[in-house]
Amino acid sequence: IVPVYWVCLSFYLFLLYPKIYFPDL
């Protein structure tokens, strides 16, 4: 489960990078 989730998360973080609240990472 986790590797696939991390791939999806990385893609989403890349798209929303300017709006990320890093303490929630």
mmCIF file of all heavy atoms, coordinates in Angstrom:
data_MODEL
# 
_entry.id   MODEL 
# 
loop_
_atom_site.group_PDB 
_atom_site.id 
_atom_site.type_symbol 
_atom_site.label_atom_id 
_atom_site.label_alt_id 
_atom_site.label_comp_id 
_atom_site.label_asym_id 
_atom_site.label_entity_id 
_atom_site.label_seq_id 
_atom_site.pdbx_PDB_ins_code 
_atom_site.Cartn_x 
_atom_site.Cartn_y 
_atom_site.Cartn_z 
_atom_site.occupancy 
_atom_site.B_iso_or_equiv 
_atom_site.pdbx_formal_charge 
_atom_site.auth_seq_id 
_atom_site.auth_comp_id 
_atom_site.auth_asym_id 
_atom_site.auth_atom_id 
_atom_site.pdbx_PDB_model_num 
ATOM 1   N N   . ILE A 1 1  ? 0.808  -1.222 0.000   1.00 0.00 ? 1  ILE A N   1 
ATOM 2   C CA  . ILE A 1 1  ? 0.000  0.000  0.000   1.00 0.00 ? 1  ILE A CA  1 
ATOM 3   C C   . ILE A 1 1  ? 0.842  1.274  0.000   1.00 0.00 ? 1  ILE A C   1 
ATOM 4   O O   . ILE A 1 1  ? 0.618  2.189  -0.790  1.00 0.00 ? 1  ILE A O   1 
ATOM 5   C CB  . ILE A 1 1  ? -0.947 0.002  1.218   1.00 0.00 ? 1  ILE A CB  1 
ATOM 6   C CG1 . ILE A 1 1  ? -1.965 -1.125 1.081   1.00 0.00 ? 1  ILE A CG1 1 
ATOM 7   C CG2 . ILE A 1 1  ? -1.654 1.340  1.366   1.00 0.00 ? 1  ILE A CG2 1 
ATOM 8   C CD1 . ILE A 1 1  ? -2.858 -1.289 2.279   1.00 0.00 ? 1  ILE A CD1 1 
ATOM 9   N N   . VAL A 1 2  ? 1.811  1.339  0.907   1.00 0.00 ? 2  VAL A N   1 
ATOM 10  C CA  . VAL A 1 2  ? 2.521  2.590  1.147   1.00 0.00 ? 2  VAL A CA  1 
ATOM 11  C C   . VAL A 1 2  ? 3.301  3.102  -0.069  1.00 0.00 ? 2  VAL A C   1 
ATOM 12  O O   . VAL A 1 2  ? 3.231  4.301  -0.380  1.00 0.00 ? 2  VAL A O   1 
ATOM 13  C CB  . VAL A 1 2  ? 3.447  2.458  2.377   1.00 0.00 ? 2  VAL A CB  1 
ATOM 14  C CG1 . VAL A 1 2  ? 4.319  3.696  2.536   1.00 0.00 ? 2  VAL A CG1 1 
ATOM 15  C CG2 . VAL A 1 2  ? 2.607  2.227  3.633   1.00 0.00 ? 2  VAL A CG2 1 
ATOM 16  N N   . PRO A 1 3  ? 4.066  2.282  -0.796  1.00 0.00 ? 3  PRO A N   1 
ATOM 17  C CA  . PRO A 1 3  ? 4.803  2.823  -1.949  1.00 0.00 ? 3  PRO A CA  1 
ATOM 18  C C   . PRO A 1 3  ? 3.905  3.483  -2.992  1.00 0.00 ? 3  PRO A C   1 
ATOM 19  O O   . PRO A 1 3  ? 4.237  4.545  -3.528  1.00 0.00 ? 3  PRO A O   1 
ATOM 20  C CB  . PRO A 1 3  ? 5.516  1.590  -2.517  1.00 0.00 ? 3  PRO A CB  1 
ATOM 21  C CG  . PRO A 1 3  ? 5.679  0.680  -1.350  1.00 0.00 ? 3  PRO A CG  1 
ATOM 22  C CD  . PRO A 1 3  ? 4.426  0.870  -0.551  1.00 0.00 ? 3  PRO A CD  1 
ATOM 23  N N   . VAL A 1 4  ? 2.762  2.873  -3.290  1.00 0.00 ? 4  VAL A N   1 
ATOM 24  C CA  . VAL A 1 4  ? 1.839  3.466  -4.258  1.00 0.00 ? 4  VAL A CA  1 
ATOM 25  C C   . VAL A 1 4  ? 1.292  4.782  -3.726  1.00 0.00 ? 4  VAL A C   1 
ATOM 26  O O   . VAL A 1 4  ? 1.176  5.777  -4.468  1.00 0.00 ? 4  VAL A O   1 
ATOM 27  C CB  . VAL A 1 4  ? 0.681  2.490  -4.562  1.00 0.00 ? 4  VAL A CB  1 
ATOM 28  C CG1 . VAL A 1 4  ? -0.333 3.130  -5.505  1.00 0.00 ? 4  VAL A CG1 1 
ATOM 29  C CG2 . VAL A 1 4  ? 1.218  1.197  -5.167  1.00 0.00 ? 4  VAL A CG2 1 
ATOM 30  N N   . TYR A 1 5  ? 0.991  4.806  -2.450  1.00 0.00 ? 5  TYR A N   1 
ATOM 31  C CA  . TYR A 1 5  ? 0.509  6.054  -1.835  1.00 0.00 ? 5  TYR A CA  1 
ATOM 32  C C   . TYR A 1 5  ? 1.568  7.134  -1.906  1.00 0.00 ? 5  TYR A C   1 
ATOM 33  O O   . TYR A 1 5  ? 1.266  8.300  -2.214  1.00 0.00 ? 5  TYR A O   1 
ATOM 34  C CB  . TYR A 1 5  ? 0.105  5.790  -0.382  1.00 0.00 ? 5  TYR A CB  1 
ATOM 35  C CG  . TYR A 1 5  ? -0.087 7.056  0.408   1.00 0.00 ? 5  TYR A CG  1 
ATOM 36  C CD1 . TYR A 1 5  ? -1.168 7.899  0.184   1.00 0.00 ? 5  TYR A CD1 1 
ATOM 37  C CD2 . TYR A 1 5  ? 0.835  7.422  1.395   1.00 0.00 ? 5  TYR A CD2 1 
ATOM 38  C CE1 . TYR A 1 5  ? -1.338 9.065  0.896   1.00 0.00 ? 5  TYR A CE1 1 
ATOM 39  C CE2 . TYR A 1 5  ? 0.669  8.586  2.124   1.00 0.00 ? 5  TYR A CE2 1 
ATOM 40  C CZ  . TYR A 1 5  ? -0.413 9.409  1.873   1.00 0.00 ? 5  TYR A CZ  1 
ATOM 41  O OH  . TYR A 1 5  ? -0.569 10.565 2.587   1.00 0.00 ? 5  TYR A OH  1 
ATOM 42  N N   . TRP A 1 6  ? 2.812  6.797  -1.643  1.00 0.00 ? 6  TRP A N   1 
ATOM 43  C CA  . TRP A 1 6  ? 3.888  7.783  -1.695  1.00 0.00 ? 6  TRP A CA  1 
ATOM 44  C C   . TRP A 1 6  ? 4.078  8.335  -3.105  1.00 0.00 ? 6  TRP A C   1 
ATOM 45  O O   . TRP A 1 6  ? 4.379  9.519  -3.268  1.00 0.00 ? 6  TRP A O   1 
ATOM 46  C CB  . TRP A 1 6  ? 5.192  7.157  -1.191  1.00 0.00 ? 6  TRP A CB  1 
ATOM 47  C CG  . TRP A 1 6  ? 5.261  7.120  0.314   1.00 0.00 ? 6  TRP A CG  1 
ATOM 48  C CD1 . TRP A 1 6  ? 4.450  7.772  1.189   1.00 0.00 ? 6  TRP A CD1 1 
ATOM 49  C CD2 . TRP A 1 6  ? 6.206  6.391  1.104   1.00 0.00 ? 6  TRP A CD2 1 
ATOM 50  N NE1 . TRP A 1 6  ? 4.815  7.496  2.487   1.00 0.00 ? 6  TRP A NE1 1 
ATOM 51  C CE2 . TRP A 1 6  ? 5.891  6.658  2.470   1.00 0.00 ? 6  TRP A CE2 1 
ATOM 52  C CE3 . TRP A 1 6  ? 7.271  5.548  0.806   1.00 0.00 ? 6  TRP A CE3 1 
ATOM 53  C CZ2 . TRP A 1 6  ? 6.614  6.097  3.518   1.00 0.00 ? 6  TRP A CZ2 1 
ATOM 54  C CZ3 . TRP A 1 6  ? 7.993  4.987  1.850   1.00 0.00 ? 6  TRP A CZ3 1 
ATOM 55  C CH2 . TRP A 1 6  ? 7.669  5.277  3.189   1.00 0.00 ? 6  TRP A CH2 1 
ATOM 56  N N   . VAL A 1 7  ? 3.926  7.496  -4.107  1.00 0.00 ? 7  VAL A N   1 
ATOM 57  C CA  . VAL A 1 7  ? 4.025  7.976  -5.491  1.00 0.00 ? 7  VAL A CA  1 
ATOM 58  C C   . VAL A 1 7  ? 2.924  8.997  -5.772  1.00 0.00 ? 7  VAL A C   1 
ATOM 59  O O   . VAL A 1 7  ? 3.184  10.079 -6.323  1.00 0.00 ? 7  VAL A O   1 
ATOM 60  C CB  . VAL A 1 7  ? 3.940  6.802  -6.481  1.00 0.00 ? 7  VAL A CB  1 
ATOM 61  C CG1 . VAL A 1 7  ? 3.796  7.315  -7.916  1.00 0.00 ? 7  VAL A CG1 1 
ATOM 62  C CG2 . VAL A 1 7  ? 5.175  5.918  -6.380  1.00 0.00 ? 7  VAL A CG2 1 
ATOM 63  N N   . CYS A 1 8  ? 1.706  8.665  -5.396  1.00 0.00 ? 8  CYS A N   1 
ATOM 64  C CA  . CYS A 1 8  ? 0.587  9.596  -5.594  1.00 0.00 ? 8  CYS A CA  1 
ATOM 65  C C   . CYS A 1 8  ? 0.781  10.866 -4.789  1.00 0.00 ? 8  CYS A C   1 
ATOM 66  O O   . CYS A 1 8  ? 0.516  11.981 -5.278  1.00 0.00 ? 8  CYS A O   1 
ATOM 67  C CB  . CYS A 1 8  ? -0.727 8.922  -5.201  1.00 0.00 ? 8  CYS A CB  1 
ATOM 68  S SG  . CYS A 1 8  ? -1.160 7.487  -6.197  1.00 0.00 ? 8  CYS A SG  1 
ATOM 69  N N   . LEU A 1 9  ? 1.260  10.730 -3.556  1.00 0.00 ? 9  LEU A N   1 
ATOM 70  C CA  . LEU A 1 9  ? 1.493  11.893 -2.705  1.00 0.00 ? 9  LEU A CA  1 
ATOM 71  C C   . LEU A 1 9  ? 2.565  12.793 -3.296  1.00 0.00 ? 9  LEU A C   1 
ATOM 72  O O   . LEU A 1 9  ? 2.418  14.029 -3.308  1.00 0.00 ? 9  LEU A O   1 
ATOM 73  C CB  . LEU A 1 9  ? 1.896  11.440 -1.307  1.00 0.00 ? 9  LEU A CB  1 
ATOM 74  C CG  . LEU A 1 9  ? 2.219  12.547 -0.295  1.00 0.00 ? 9  LEU A CG  1 
ATOM 75  C CD1 . LEU A 1 9  ? 0.992  13.401 -0.019  1.00 0.00 ? 9  LEU A CD1 1 
ATOM 76  C CD2 . LEU A 1 9  ? 2.750  11.959 1.007   1.00 0.00 ? 9  LEU A CD2 1 
ATOM 77  N N   . SER A 1 10 ? 3.652  12.217 -3.798  1.00 0.00 ? 10 SER A N   1 
ATOM 78  C CA  . SER A 1 10 ? 4.737  13.007 -4.386  1.00 0.00 ? 10 SER A CA  1 
ATOM 79  C C   . SER A 1 10 ? 4.248  13.800 -5.578  1.00 0.00 ? 10 SER A C   1 
ATOM 80  O O   . SER A 1 10 ? 4.589  14.980 -5.747  1.00 0.00 ? 10 SER A O   1 
ATOM 81  C CB  . SER A 1 10 ? 5.885  12.085 -4.808  1.00 0.00 ? 10 SER A CB  1 
ATOM 82  O OG  . SER A 1 10 ? 6.408  11.397 -3.694  1.00 0.00 ? 10 SER A OG  1 
ATOM 83  N N   . PHE A 1 11 ? 3.441  13.177 -6.405  1.00 0.00 ? 11 PHE A N   1 
ATOM 84  C CA  . PHE A 1 11 ? 2.900  13.865 -7.579  1.00 0.00 ? 11 PHE A CA  1 
ATOM 85  C C   . PHE A 1 11 ? 2.007  15.025 -7.144  1.00 0.00 ? 11 PHE A C   1 
ATOM 86  O O   . PHE A 1 11 ? 2.092  16.131 -7.693  1.00 0.00 ? 11 PHE A O   1 
ATOM 87  C CB  . PHE A 1 11 ? 2.111  12.871 -8.434  1.00 0.00 ? 11 PHE A CB  1 
ATOM 88  C CG  . PHE A 1 11 ? 1.509  13.474 -9.671  1.00 0.00 ? 11 PHE A CG  1 
ATOM 89  C CD1 . PHE A 1 11 ? 2.309  13.815 -10.755 1.00 0.00 ? 11 PHE A CD1 1 
ATOM 90  C CD2 . PHE A 1 11 ? 0.140  13.697 -9.747  1.00 0.00 ? 11 PHE A CD2 1 
ATOM 91  C CE1 . PHE A 1 11 ? 1.752  14.377 -11.893 1.00 0.00 ? 11 PHE A CE1 1 
ATOM 92  C CE2 . PHE A 1 11 ? -0.416 14.254 -10.883 1.00 0.00 ? 11 PHE A CE2 1 
ATOM 93  C CZ  . PHE A 1 11 ? 0.390  14.605 -11.961 1.00 0.00 ? 11 PHE A CZ  1 
ATOM 94  N N   . TYR A 1 12 ? 1.190  14.800 -6.135  1.00 0.00 ? 12 TYR A N   1 
ATOM 95  C CA  . TYR A 1 12 ? 0.275  15.831 -5.660  1.00 0.00 ? 12 TYR A CA  1 
ATOM 96  C C   . TYR A 1 12 ? 1.044  16.967 -4.989  1.00 0.00 ? 12 TYR A C   1 
ATOM 97  O O   . TYR A 1 12 ? 0.716  18.145 -5.163  1.00 0.00 ? 12 TYR A O   1 
ATOM 98  C CB  . TYR A 1 12 ? -0.722 15.218 -4.687  1.00 0.00 ? 12 TYR A CB  1 
ATOM 99  C CG  . TYR A 1 12 ? -2.023 15.979 -4.589  1.00 0.00 ? 12 TYR A CG  1 
ATOM 100 C CD1 . TYR A 1 12 ? -2.950 15.929 -5.616  1.00 0.00 ? 12 TYR A CD1 1 
ATOM 101 C CD2 . TYR A 1 12 ? -2.322 16.732 -3.460  1.00 0.00 ? 12 TYR A CD2 1 
ATOM 102 C CE1 . TYR A 1 12 ? -4.140 16.626 -5.532  1.00 0.00 ? 12 TYR A CE1 1 
ATOM 103 C CE2 . TYR A 1 12 ? -3.515 17.430 -3.361  1.00 0.00 ? 12 TYR A CE2 1 
ATOM 104 C CZ  . TYR A 1 12 ? -4.425 17.369 -4.409  1.00 0.00 ? 12 TYR A CZ  1 
ATOM 105 O OH  . TYR A 1 12 ? -5.600 18.064 -4.318  1.00 0.00 ? 12 TYR A OH  1 
ATOM 106 N N   . LEU A 1 13 ? 2.082  16.632 -4.225  1.00 0.00 ? 13 LEU A N   1 
ATOM 107 C CA  . LEU A 1 13 ? 2.901  17.666 -3.588  1.00 0.00 ? 13 LEU A CA  1 
ATOM 108 C C   . LEU A 1 13 ? 3.611  18.518 -4.632  1.00 0.00 ? 13 LEU A C   1 
ATOM 109 O O   . LEU A 1 13 ? 3.771  19.728 -4.464  1.00 0.00 ? 13 LEU A O   1 
ATOM 110 C CB  . LEU A 1 13 ? 3.929  17.010 -2.658  1.00 0.00 ? 13 LEU A CB  1 
ATOM 111 C CG  . LEU A 1 13 ? 3.392  16.377 -1.381  1.00 0.00 ? 13 LEU A CG  1 
ATOM 112 C CD1 . LEU A 1 13 ? 4.499  15.666 -0.626  1.00 0.00 ? 13 LEU A CD1 1 
ATOM 113 C CD2 . LEU A 1 13 ? 2.736  17.428 -0.488  1.00 0.00 ? 13 LEU A CD2 1 
ATOM 114 N N   . PHE A 1 14 ? 4.040  17.897 -5.706  1.00 0.00 ? 14 PHE A N   1 
ATOM 115 C CA  . PHE A 1 14 ? 4.700  18.639 -6.787  1.00 0.00 ? 14 PHE A CA  1 
ATOM 116 C C   . PHE A 1 14 ? 3.744  19.648 -7.411  1.00 0.00 ? 14 PHE A C   1 
ATOM 117 O O   . PHE A 1 14 ? 4.128  20.785 -7.711  1.00 0.00 ? 14 PHE A O   1 
ATOM 118 C CB  . PHE A 1 14 ? 5.212  17.660 -7.842  1.00 0.00 ? 14 PHE A CB  1 
ATOM 119 C CG  . PHE A 1 14 ? 5.810  18.329 -9.037  1.00 0.00 ? 14 PHE A CG  1 
ATOM 120 C CD1 . PHE A 1 14 ? 7.091  18.870 -8.982  1.00 0.00 ? 14 PHE A CD1 1 
ATOM 121 C CD2 . PHE A 1 14 ? 5.100  18.426 -10.223 1.00 0.00 ? 14 PHE A CD2 1 
ATOM 122 C CE1 . PHE A 1 14 ? 7.645  19.505 -10.091 1.00 0.00 ? 14 PHE A CE1 1 
ATOM 123 C CE2 . PHE A 1 14 ? 5.636  19.051 -11.333 1.00 0.00 ? 14 PHE A CE2 1 
ATOM 124 C CZ  . PHE A 1 14 ? 6.918  19.595 -11.264 1.00 0.00 ? 14 PHE A CZ  1 
ATOM 125 N N   . LEU A 1 15 ? 2.495  19.251 -7.588  1.00 0.00 ? 15 LEU A N   1 
ATOM 126 C CA  . LEU A 1 15 ? 1.514  20.144 -8.193  1.00 0.00 ? 15 LEU A CA  1 
ATOM 127 C C   . LEU A 1 15 ? 1.143  21.295 -7.266  1.00 0.00 ? 15 LEU A C   1 
ATOM 128 O O   . LEU A 1 15 ? 0.903  22.424 -7.717  1.00 0.00 ? 15 LEU A O   1 
ATOM 129 C CB  . LEU A 1 15 ? 0.248  19.367 -8.565  1.00 0.00 ? 15 LEU A CB  1 
ATOM 130 C CG  . LEU A 1 15 ? 0.381  18.347 -9.699  1.00 0.00 ? 15 LEU A CG  1 
ATOM 131 C CD1 . LEU A 1 15 ? -0.947 17.628 -9.912  1.00 0.00 ? 15 LEU A CD1 1 
ATOM 132 C CD2 . LEU A 1 15 ? 0.830  19.022 -10.994 1.00 0.00 ? 15 LEU A CD2 1 
ATOM 133 N N   . LEU A 1 16 ? 1.110  21.031 -5.957  1.00 0.00 ? 16 LEU A N   1 
ATOM 134 C CA  . LEU A 1 16 ? 0.649  22.037 -4.995  1.00 0.00 ? 16 LEU A CA  1 
ATOM 135 C C   . LEU A 1 16 ? 1.789  22.629 -4.173  1.00 0.00 ? 16 LEU A C   1 
ATOM 136 O O   . LEU A 1 16 ? 1.549  23.225 -3.122  1.00 0.00 ? 16 LEU A O   1 
ATOM 137 C CB  . LEU A 1 16 ? -0.382 21.412 -4.049  1.00 0.00 ? 16 LEU A CB  1 
ATOM 138 C CG  . LEU A 1 16 ? -1.668 20.888 -4.696  1.00 0.00 ? 16 LEU A CG  1 
ATOM 139 C CD1 . LEU A 1 16 ? -2.592 20.332 -3.632  1.00 0.00 ? 16 LEU A CD1 1 
ATOM 140 C CD2 . LEU A 1 16 ? -2.371 21.984 -5.477  1.00 0.00 ? 16 LEU A CD2 1 
ATOM 141 N N   . TYR A 1 17 ? 3.014  22.505 -4.642  1.00 0.00 ? 17 TYR A N   1 
ATOM 142 C CA  . TYR A 1 17 ? 4.182  22.890 -3.849  1.00 0.00 ? 17 TYR A CA  1 
ATOM 143 C C   . TYR A 1 17 ? 4.065  24.268 -3.183  1.00 0.00 ? 17 TYR A C   1 
ATOM 144 O O   . TYR A 1 17 ? 4.341  24.387 -1.990  1.00 0.00 ? 17 TYR A O   1 
ATOM 145 C CB  . TYR A 1 17 ? 5.440  22.835 -4.725  1.00 0.00 ? 17 TYR A CB  1 
ATOM 146 C CG  . TYR A 1 17 ? 6.673  23.387 -4.057  1.00 0.00 ? 17 TYR A CG  1 
ATOM 147 C CD1 . TYR A 1 17 ? 7.348  22.649 -3.085  1.00 0.00 ? 17 TYR A CD1 1 
ATOM 148 C CD2 . TYR A 1 17 ? 7.144  24.652 -4.369  1.00 0.00 ? 17 TYR A CD2 1 
ATOM 149 C CE1 . TYR A 1 17 ? 8.462  23.144 -2.455  1.00 0.00 ? 17 TYR A CE1 1 
ATOM 150 C CE2 . TYR A 1 17 ? 8.271  25.167 -3.741  1.00 0.00 ? 17 TYR A CE2 1 
ATOM 151 C CZ  . TYR A 1 17 ? 8.929  24.414 -2.791  1.00 0.00 ? 17 TYR A CZ  1 
ATOM 152 O OH  . TYR A 1 17 ? 10.033 24.917 -2.177  1.00 0.00 ? 17 TYR A OH  1 
ATOM 153 N N   . PRO A 1 18 ? 3.644  25.319 -3.883  1.00 0.00 ? 18 PRO A N   1 
ATOM 154 C CA  . PRO A 1 18 ? 3.615  26.642 -3.215  1.00 0.00 ? 18 PRO A CA  1 
ATOM 155 C C   . PRO A 1 18 ? 2.634  26.727 -2.061  1.00 0.00 ? 18 PRO A C   1 
ATOM 156 O O   . PRO A 1 18 ? 2.752  27.599 -1.208  1.00 0.00 ? 18 PRO A O   1 
ATOM 157 C CB  . PRO A 1 18 ? 3.208  27.595 -4.349  1.00 0.00 ? 18 PRO A CB  1 
ATOM 158 C CG  . PRO A 1 18 ? 3.502  26.849 -5.602  1.00 0.00 ? 18 PRO A CG  1 
ATOM 159 C CD  . PRO A 1 18 ? 3.231  25.413 -5.279  1.00 0.00 ? 18 PRO A CD  1 
ATOM 160 N N   . LYS A 1 19 ? 1.655  25.823 -2.024  1.00 0.00 ? 19 LYS A N   1 
ATOM 161 C CA  . LYS A 1 19 ? 0.600  25.932 -1.019  1.00 0.00 ? 19 LYS A CA  1 
ATOM 162 C C   . LYS A 1 19 ? 0.756  24.927 0.119   1.00 0.00 ? 19 LYS A C   1 
ATOM 163 O O   . LYS A 1 19 ? -0.116 24.817 0.964   1.00 0.00 ? 19 LYS A O   1 
ATOM 164 C CB  . LYS A 1 19 ? -0.761 25.719 -1.684  1.00 0.00 ? 19 LYS A CB  1 
ATOM 165 C CG  . LYS A 1 19 ? -1.055 26.711 -2.817  1.00 0.00 ? 19 LYS A CG  1 
ATOM 166 C CD  . LYS A 1 19 ? -2.399 26.417 -3.457  1.00 0.00 ? 19 LYS A CD  1 
ATOM 167 C CE  . LYS A 1 19 ? -2.679 27.371 -4.594  1.00 0.00 ? 19 LYS A CE  1 
ATOM 168 N NZ  . LYS A 1 19 ? -3.982 27.092 -5.245  1.00 0.00 ? 19 LYS A NZ  1 
ATOM 169 N N   . ILE A 1 20 ? 1.868  24.210 0.153   1.00 0.00 ? 20 ILE A N   1 
ATOM 170 C CA  . ILE A 1 20 ? 2.041  23.165 1.158   1.00 0.00 ? 20 ILE A CA  1 
ATOM 171 C C   . ILE A 1 20 ? 2.390  23.759 2.519   1.00 0.00 ? 20 ILE A C   1 
ATOM 172 O O   . ILE A 1 20 ? 3.225  24.656 2.629   1.00 0.00 ? 20 ILE A O   1 
ATOM 173 C CB  . ILE A 1 20 ? 3.144  22.174 0.733   1.00 0.00 ? 20 ILE A CB  1 
ATOM 174 C CG1 . ILE A 1 20 ? 2.717  21.460 -0.539  1.00 0.00 ? 20 ILE A CG1 1 
ATOM 175 C CG2 . ILE A 1 20 ? 3.428  21.170 1.832   1.00 0.00 ? 20 ILE A CG2 1 
ATOM 176 C CD1 . ILE A 1 20 ? 1.466  20.648 -0.391  1.00 0.00 ? 20 ILE A CD1 1 
ATOM 177 N N   . TYR A 1 21 ? 1.707  23.272 3.553   1.00 0.00 ? 21 TYR A N   1 
ATOM 178 C CA  . TYR A 1 21 ? 2.048  23.642 4.927   1.00 0.00 ? 21 TYR A CA  1 
ATOM 179 C C   . TYR A 1 21 ? 2.974  22.553 5.458   1.00 0.00 ? 21 TYR A C   1 
ATOM 180 O O   . TYR A 1 21 ? 2.556  21.459 5.808   1.00 0.00 ? 21 TYR A O   1 
ATOM 181 C CB  . TYR A 1 21 ? 0.770  23.741 5.768   1.00 0.00 ? 21 TYR A CB  1 
ATOM 182 C CG  . TYR A 1 21 ? 1.012  24.127 7.210   1.00 0.00 ? 21 TYR A CG  1 
ATOM 183 C CD1 . TYR A 1 21 ? 1.626  25.345 7.535   1.00 0.00 ? 21 TYR A CD1 1 
ATOM 184 C CD2 . TYR A 1 21 ? 0.617  23.291 8.245   1.00 0.00 ? 21 TYR A CD2 1 
ATOM 185 C CE1 . TYR A 1 21 ? 1.843  25.695 8.849   1.00 0.00 ? 21 TYR A CE1 1 
ATOM 186 C CE2 . TYR A 1 21 ? 0.830  23.646 9.572   1.00 0.00 ? 21 TYR A CE2 1 
ATOM 187 C CZ  . TYR A 1 21 ? 1.438  24.849 9.858   1.00 0.00 ? 21 TYR A CZ  1 
ATOM 188 O OH  . TYR A 1 21 ? 1.651  25.205 11.164  1.00 0.00 ? 21 TYR A OH  1 
ATOM 189 N N   . PHE A 1 22 ? 4.273  22.838 5.484   1.00 0.00 ? 22 PHE A N   1 
ATOM 190 C CA  . PHE A 1 22 ? 5.278  21.810 5.692   1.00 0.00 ? 22 PHE A CA  1 
ATOM 191 C C   . PHE A 1 22 ? 5.196  21.083 7.041   1.00 0.00 ? 22 PHE A C   1 
ATOM 192 O O   . PHE A 1 22 ? 5.545  19.901 7.110   1.00 0.00 ? 22 PHE A O   1 
ATOM 193 C CB  . PHE A 1 22 ? 6.675  22.399 5.484   1.00 0.00 ? 22 PHE A CB  1 
ATOM 194 C CG  . PHE A 1 22 ? 7.015  22.584 4.036   1.00 0.00 ? 22 PHE A CG  1 
ATOM 195 C CD1 . PHE A 1 22 ? 6.821  23.819 3.426   1.00 0.00 ? 22 PHE A CD1 1 
ATOM 196 C CD2 . PHE A 1 22 ? 7.495  21.543 3.277   1.00 0.00 ? 22 PHE A CD2 1 
ATOM 197 C CE1 . PHE A 1 22 ? 7.113  23.999 2.083   1.00 0.00 ? 22 PHE A CE1 1 
ATOM 198 C CE2 . PHE A 1 22 ? 7.793  21.699 1.936   1.00 0.00 ? 22 PHE A CE2 1 
ATOM 199 C CZ  . PHE A 1 22 ? 7.599  22.927 1.333   1.00 0.00 ? 22 PHE A CZ  1 
ATOM 200 N N   . PRO A 1 23 ? 4.766  21.716 8.121   1.00 0.00 ? 23 PRO A N   1 
ATOM 201 C CA  . PRO A 1 23 ? 4.631  20.938 9.361   1.00 0.00 ? 23 PRO A CA  1 
ATOM 202 C C   . PRO A 1 23 ? 3.672  19.752 9.241   1.00 0.00 ? 23 PRO A C   1 
ATOM 203 O O   . PRO A 1 23 ? 3.740  18.816 10.041  1.00 0.00 ? 23 PRO A O   1 
ATOM 204 C CB  . PRO A 1 23 ? 4.115  21.974 10.361  1.00 0.00 ? 23 PRO A CB  1 
ATOM 205 C CG  . PRO A 1 23 ? 4.671  23.269 9.863   1.00 0.00 ? 23 PRO A CG  1 
ATOM 206 C CD  . PRO A 1 23 ? 4.604  23.150 8.370   1.00 0.00 ? 23 PRO A CD  1 
ATOM 207 N N   . ASP A 1 24 ? 2.777  19.779 8.264   1.00 0.00 ? 24 ASP A N   1 
ATOM 208 C CA  . ASP A 1 24 ? 1.838  18.665 8.080   1.00 0.00 ? 24 ASP A CA  1 
ATOM 209 C C   . ASP A 1 24 ? 2.428  17.543 7.250   1.00 0.00 ? 24 ASP A C   1 
ATOM 210 O O   . ASP A 1 24 ? 1.806  16.474 7.126   1.00 0.00 ? 24 ASP A O   1 
ATOM 211 C CB  . ASP A 1 24 ? 0.563  19.167 7.387   1.00 0.00 ? 24 ASP A CB  1 
ATOM 212 C CG  . ASP A 1 24 ? -0.333 19.940 8.343   1.00 0.00 ? 24 ASP A CG  1 
ATOM 213 O OD1 . ASP A 1 24 ? -0.215 19.715 9.559   1.00 0.00 ? 24 ASP A OD1 1 
ATOM 214 O OD2 . ASP A 1 24 ? -1.140 20.749 7.873   1.00 0.00 ? 24 ASP A OD2 1 
ATOM 215 N N   . LEU A 1 25 ? 3.602  17.751 6.663   1.00 0.00 ? 25 LEU A N   1 
ATOM 216 C CA  . LEU A 1 25 ? 4.178  16.739 5.791   1.00 0.00 ? 25 LEU A CA  1 
ATOM 217 C C   . LEU A 1 25 ? 4.404  15.416 6.516   1.00 0.00 ? 25 LEU A C   1 
ATOM 218 O O   . LEU A 1 25 ? 4.227  14.346 5.933   1.00 0.00 ? 25 LEU A O   1 
ATOM 219 C CB  . LEU A 1 25 ? 5.501  17.235 5.202   1.00 0.00 ? 25 LEU A CB  1 
ATOM 220 C CG  . LEU A 1 25 ? 5.417  18.051 3.911   1.00 0.00 ? 25 LEU A CG  1 
ATOM 221 C CD1 . LEU A 1 25 ? 6.812  18.479 3.465   1.00 0.00 ? 25 LEU A CD1 1 
ATOM 222 C CD2 . LEU A 1 25 ? 4.729  17.259 2.817   1.00 0.00 ? 25 LEU A CD2 1 
# 
